[in-house]
Amino acid sequence: MGRIKTKLMKRMTYELIAKHGEEFKDGFGDNKLIVTKYLDTSSKKIRNTIAGYTTRITRRHKTTE
């Protein structure tokens, strides 16, 4: 069982993917830098949660294509 993401995390993630979806990659480290570039957060936990969720979504999206 994985951790459950809050509505705020999911909304922020989907907004980033809608605006900058072509930039996200399969790797967490790359996505962490992209999230840092476009999202102004002071919390590392929020940044890492969003980067991990974008990684999960992009991997899932690439396997269904």
N, C-alpha and C. Protein backbone atom coordinates (compact mmCIF):
# COMPACT_ATOMS: atom_id res chain seq x y z
N MET A 1 0.85 -1.18 0.00
CA MET A 1 0.00 0.00 0.00
C MET A 1 0.89 1.24 0.00
N GLY A 2 0.50 2.19 -0.80
CA GLY A 2 1.27 3.43 -0.88
C GLY A 2 0.67 4.51 0.00
N ARG A 3 1.34 5.62 0.01
CA ARG A 3 0.83 6.75 0.77
C ARG A 3 -0.26 7.44 -0.03
N ILE A 4 -1.23 7.98 0.66
CA ILE A 4 -2.34 8.66 0.01
C ILE A 4 -1.98 10.14 -0.12
N LYS A 5 -2.13 10.68 -1.34
CA LYS A 5 -1.82 12.07 -1.59
C LYS A 5 -3.05 12.92 -1.28
N THR A 6 -2.84 14.11 -0.74
CA THR A 6 -3.95 14.99 -0.42
C THR A 6 -4.47 15.65 -1.69
N LYS A 7 -5.63 16.25 -1.59
CA LYS A 7 -6.24 16.92 -2.72
C LYS A 7 -5.37 18.07 -3.23
N LEU A 8 -4.71 18.77 -2.31
CA LEU A 8 -3.82 19.88 -2.69
C LEU A 8 -2.66 19.37 -3.54
N MET A 9 -2.03 18.27 -3.13
CA MET A 9 -0.90 17.72 -3.88
C MET A 9 -1.33 17.28 -5.27
N LYS A 10 -2.47 16.62 -5.36
CA LYS A 10 -2.95 16.15 -6.65
C LYS A 10 -3.30 17.32 -7.56
N ARG A 11 -3.96 18.34 -7.01
CA ARG A 11 -4.33 19.49 -7.82
C ARG A 11 -3.11 20.22 -8.35
N MET A 12 -2.12 20.45 -7.48
CA MET A 12 -0.91 21.13 -7.90
C MET A 12 -0.16 20.32 -8.95
N THR A 13 -0.12 19.01 -8.78
CA THR A 13 0.57 18.14 -9.73
C THR A 13 -0.10 18.17 -11.09
N TYR A 14 -1.42 18.05 -11.12
CA TYR A 14 -2.12 18.05 -12.40
C TYR A 14 -2.04 19.41 -13.08
N GLU A 15 -2.00 20.50 -12.32
CA GLU A 15 -1.82 21.82 -12.92
C GLU A 15 -0.44 21.94 -13.57
N LEU A 16 0.59 21.44 -12.89
CA LEU A 16 1.94 21.47 -13.47
C LEU A 16 2.02 20.62 -14.73
N ILE A 17 1.41 19.46 -14.70
CA ILE A 17 1.44 18.58 -15.87
C ILE A 17 0.67 19.19 -17.03
N ALA A 18 -0.42 19.87 -16.73
CA ALA A 18 -1.20 20.51 -17.80
C ALA A 18 -0.41 21.63 -18.46
N LYS A 19 0.35 22.39 -17.67
CA LYS A 19 1.09 23.52 -18.21
C LYS A 19 2.43 23.12 -18.81
N HIS A 20 3.15 22.19 -18.15
CA HIS A 20 4.52 21.86 -18.54
C HIS A 20 4.73 20.36 -18.68
N GLY A 21 3.73 19.64 -19.14
CA GLY A 21 3.78 18.19 -19.18
C GLY A 21 4.87 17.61 -20.06
N GLU A 22 5.23 18.31 -21.13
CA GLU A 22 6.24 17.77 -22.05
C GLU A 22 7.64 17.79 -21.45
N GLU A 23 7.85 18.55 -20.39
CA GLU A 23 9.18 18.65 -19.78
C GLU A 23 9.46 17.54 -18.77
N PHE A 24 8.43 16.93 -18.20
CA PHE A 24 8.63 15.93 -17.16
C PHE A 24 9.15 14.64 -17.76
N LYS A 25 10.01 13.96 -16.99
CA LYS A 25 10.68 12.74 -17.44
C LYS A 25 10.33 11.58 -16.52
N ASP A 26 10.98 10.44 -16.75
CA ASP A 26 10.74 9.25 -15.93
C ASP A 26 11.49 9.27 -14.61
N GLY A 27 12.49 10.14 -14.46
CA GLY A 27 13.32 10.13 -13.27
C GLY A 27 12.88 11.13 -12.22
N PHE A 28 12.96 10.71 -10.97
CA PHE A 28 12.56 11.57 -9.86
C PHE A 28 13.46 12.80 -9.75
N GLY A 29 14.76 12.62 -9.90
CA GLY A 29 15.70 13.74 -9.76
C GLY A 29 15.47 14.82 -10.80
N ASP A 30 15.20 14.41 -12.04
CA ASP A 30 14.90 15.38 -13.09
C ASP A 30 13.60 16.13 -12.79
N ASN A 31 12.59 15.39 -12.37
CA ASN A 31 11.30 16.02 -12.07
C ASN A 31 11.38 16.93 -10.86
N LYS A 32 12.25 16.61 -9.92
CA LYS A 32 12.42 17.47 -8.75
C LYS A 32 12.95 18.84 -9.16
N LEU A 33 13.88 18.86 -10.09
CA LEU A 33 14.42 20.13 -10.58
C LEU A 33 13.37 20.91 -11.36
N ILE A 34 12.55 20.23 -12.14
CA ILE A 34 11.50 20.90 -12.91
C ILE A 34 10.45 21.48 -11.97
N VAL A 35 10.06 20.73 -10.95
CA VAL A 35 9.08 21.23 -9.98
C VAL A 35 9.64 22.44 -9.25
N THR A 36 10.92 22.42 -8.90
CA THR A 36 11.55 23.54 -8.23
C THR A 36 11.53 24.78 -9.13
N LYS A 37 11.71 24.57 -10.43
CA LYS A 37 11.75 25.70 -11.37
C LYS A 37 10.38 26.37 -11.49
N TYR A 38 9.31 25.60 -11.51
CA TYR A 38 7.98 26.15 -11.77
C TYR A 38 7.13 26.37 -10.53
N LEU A 39 7.51 25.81 -9.41
CA LEU A 39 6.69 25.92 -8.21
C LEU A 39 7.49 26.60 -7.11
N ASP A 40 6.92 27.61 -6.51
CA ASP A 40 7.62 28.34 -5.46
C ASP A 40 7.17 27.82 -4.10
N THR A 41 7.86 26.79 -3.60
CA THR A 41 7.54 26.25 -2.29
C THR A 41 8.75 26.34 -1.39
N SER A 42 8.51 26.55 -0.13
CA SER A 42 9.61 26.58 0.82
C SER A 42 9.79 25.22 1.49
N SER A 43 8.87 24.31 1.22
CA SER A 43 8.89 23.01 1.87
C SER A 43 9.47 21.94 0.94
N LYS A 44 10.50 21.27 1.41
CA LYS A 44 11.09 20.19 0.63
C LYS A 44 10.15 18.99 0.54
N LYS A 45 9.36 18.78 1.58
CA LYS A 45 8.44 17.64 1.59
C LYS A 45 7.37 17.79 0.51
N ILE A 46 6.82 18.99 0.37
CA ILE A 46 5.82 19.23 -0.66
C ILE A 46 6.44 19.08 -2.04
N ARG A 47 7.63 19.65 -2.24
CA ARG A 47 8.30 19.56 -3.53
C ARG A 47 8.57 18.10 -3.90
N ASN A 48 9.07 17.32 -2.96
CA ASN A 48 9.39 15.92 -3.23
C ASN A 48 8.14 15.08 -3.47
N THR A 49 7.06 15.38 -2.75
CA THR A 49 5.82 14.65 -2.96
C THR A 49 5.26 14.91 -4.35
N ILE A 50 5.29 16.16 -4.77
CA ILE A 50 4.79 16.51 -6.09
C ILE A 50 5.69 15.92 -7.18
N ALA A 51 7.00 15.97 -6.98
CA ALA A 51 7.93 15.41 -7.96
C ALA A 51 7.73 13.90 -8.08
N GLY A 52 7.54 13.23 -6.97
CA GLY A 52 7.30 11.78 -7.00
C GLY A 52 5.99 11.43 -7.67
N TYR A 53 4.97 12.22 -7.44
CA TYR A 53 3.67 11.96 -8.06
C TYR A 53 3.73 12.22 -9.56
N THR A 54 4.44 13.25 -9.98
CA THR A 54 4.59 13.49 -11.42
C THR A 54 5.37 12.37 -12.09
N THR A 55 6.38 11.84 -11.39
CA THR A 55 7.14 10.71 -11.91
C THR A 55 6.24 9.50 -12.10
N ARG A 56 5.41 9.24 -11.13
CA ARG A 56 4.49 8.11 -11.19
C ARG A 56 3.50 8.27 -12.34
N ILE A 57 2.97 9.47 -12.51
CA ILE A 57 1.99 9.72 -13.57
C ILE A 57 2.64 9.62 -14.94
N THR A 58 3.83 10.19 -15.11
CA THR A 58 4.49 10.13 -16.42
C THR A 58 4.90 8.71 -16.78
N ARG A 59 5.35 7.93 -15.81
CA ARG A 59 5.69 6.54 -16.09
C ARG A 59 4.45 5.75 -16.50
N ARG A 60 3.36 5.97 -15.79
CA ARG A 60 2.11 5.25 -16.09
C ARG A 60 1.60 5.67 -17.47
N HIS A 61 1.73 6.96 -17.79
CA HIS A 61 1.25 7.45 -19.08
C HIS A 61 2.08 6.89 -20.23
N LYS A 62 3.37 6.75 -20.04
CA LYS A 62 4.24 6.23 -21.10
C LYS A 62 4.04 4.74 -21.32
N THR A 63 3.64 3.99 -20.31
CA THR A 63 3.44 2.57 -20.48
C THR A 63 2.11 2.28 -21.19
N THR A 64 1.15 3.19 -21.09
CA THR A 64 -0.14 2.98 -21.74
C THR A 64 -0.11 3.38 -23.20
N GLU A 65 0.89 4.12 -23.64
CA GLU A 65 0.97 4.54 -25.04
C GLU A 65 1.44 3.44 -25.93
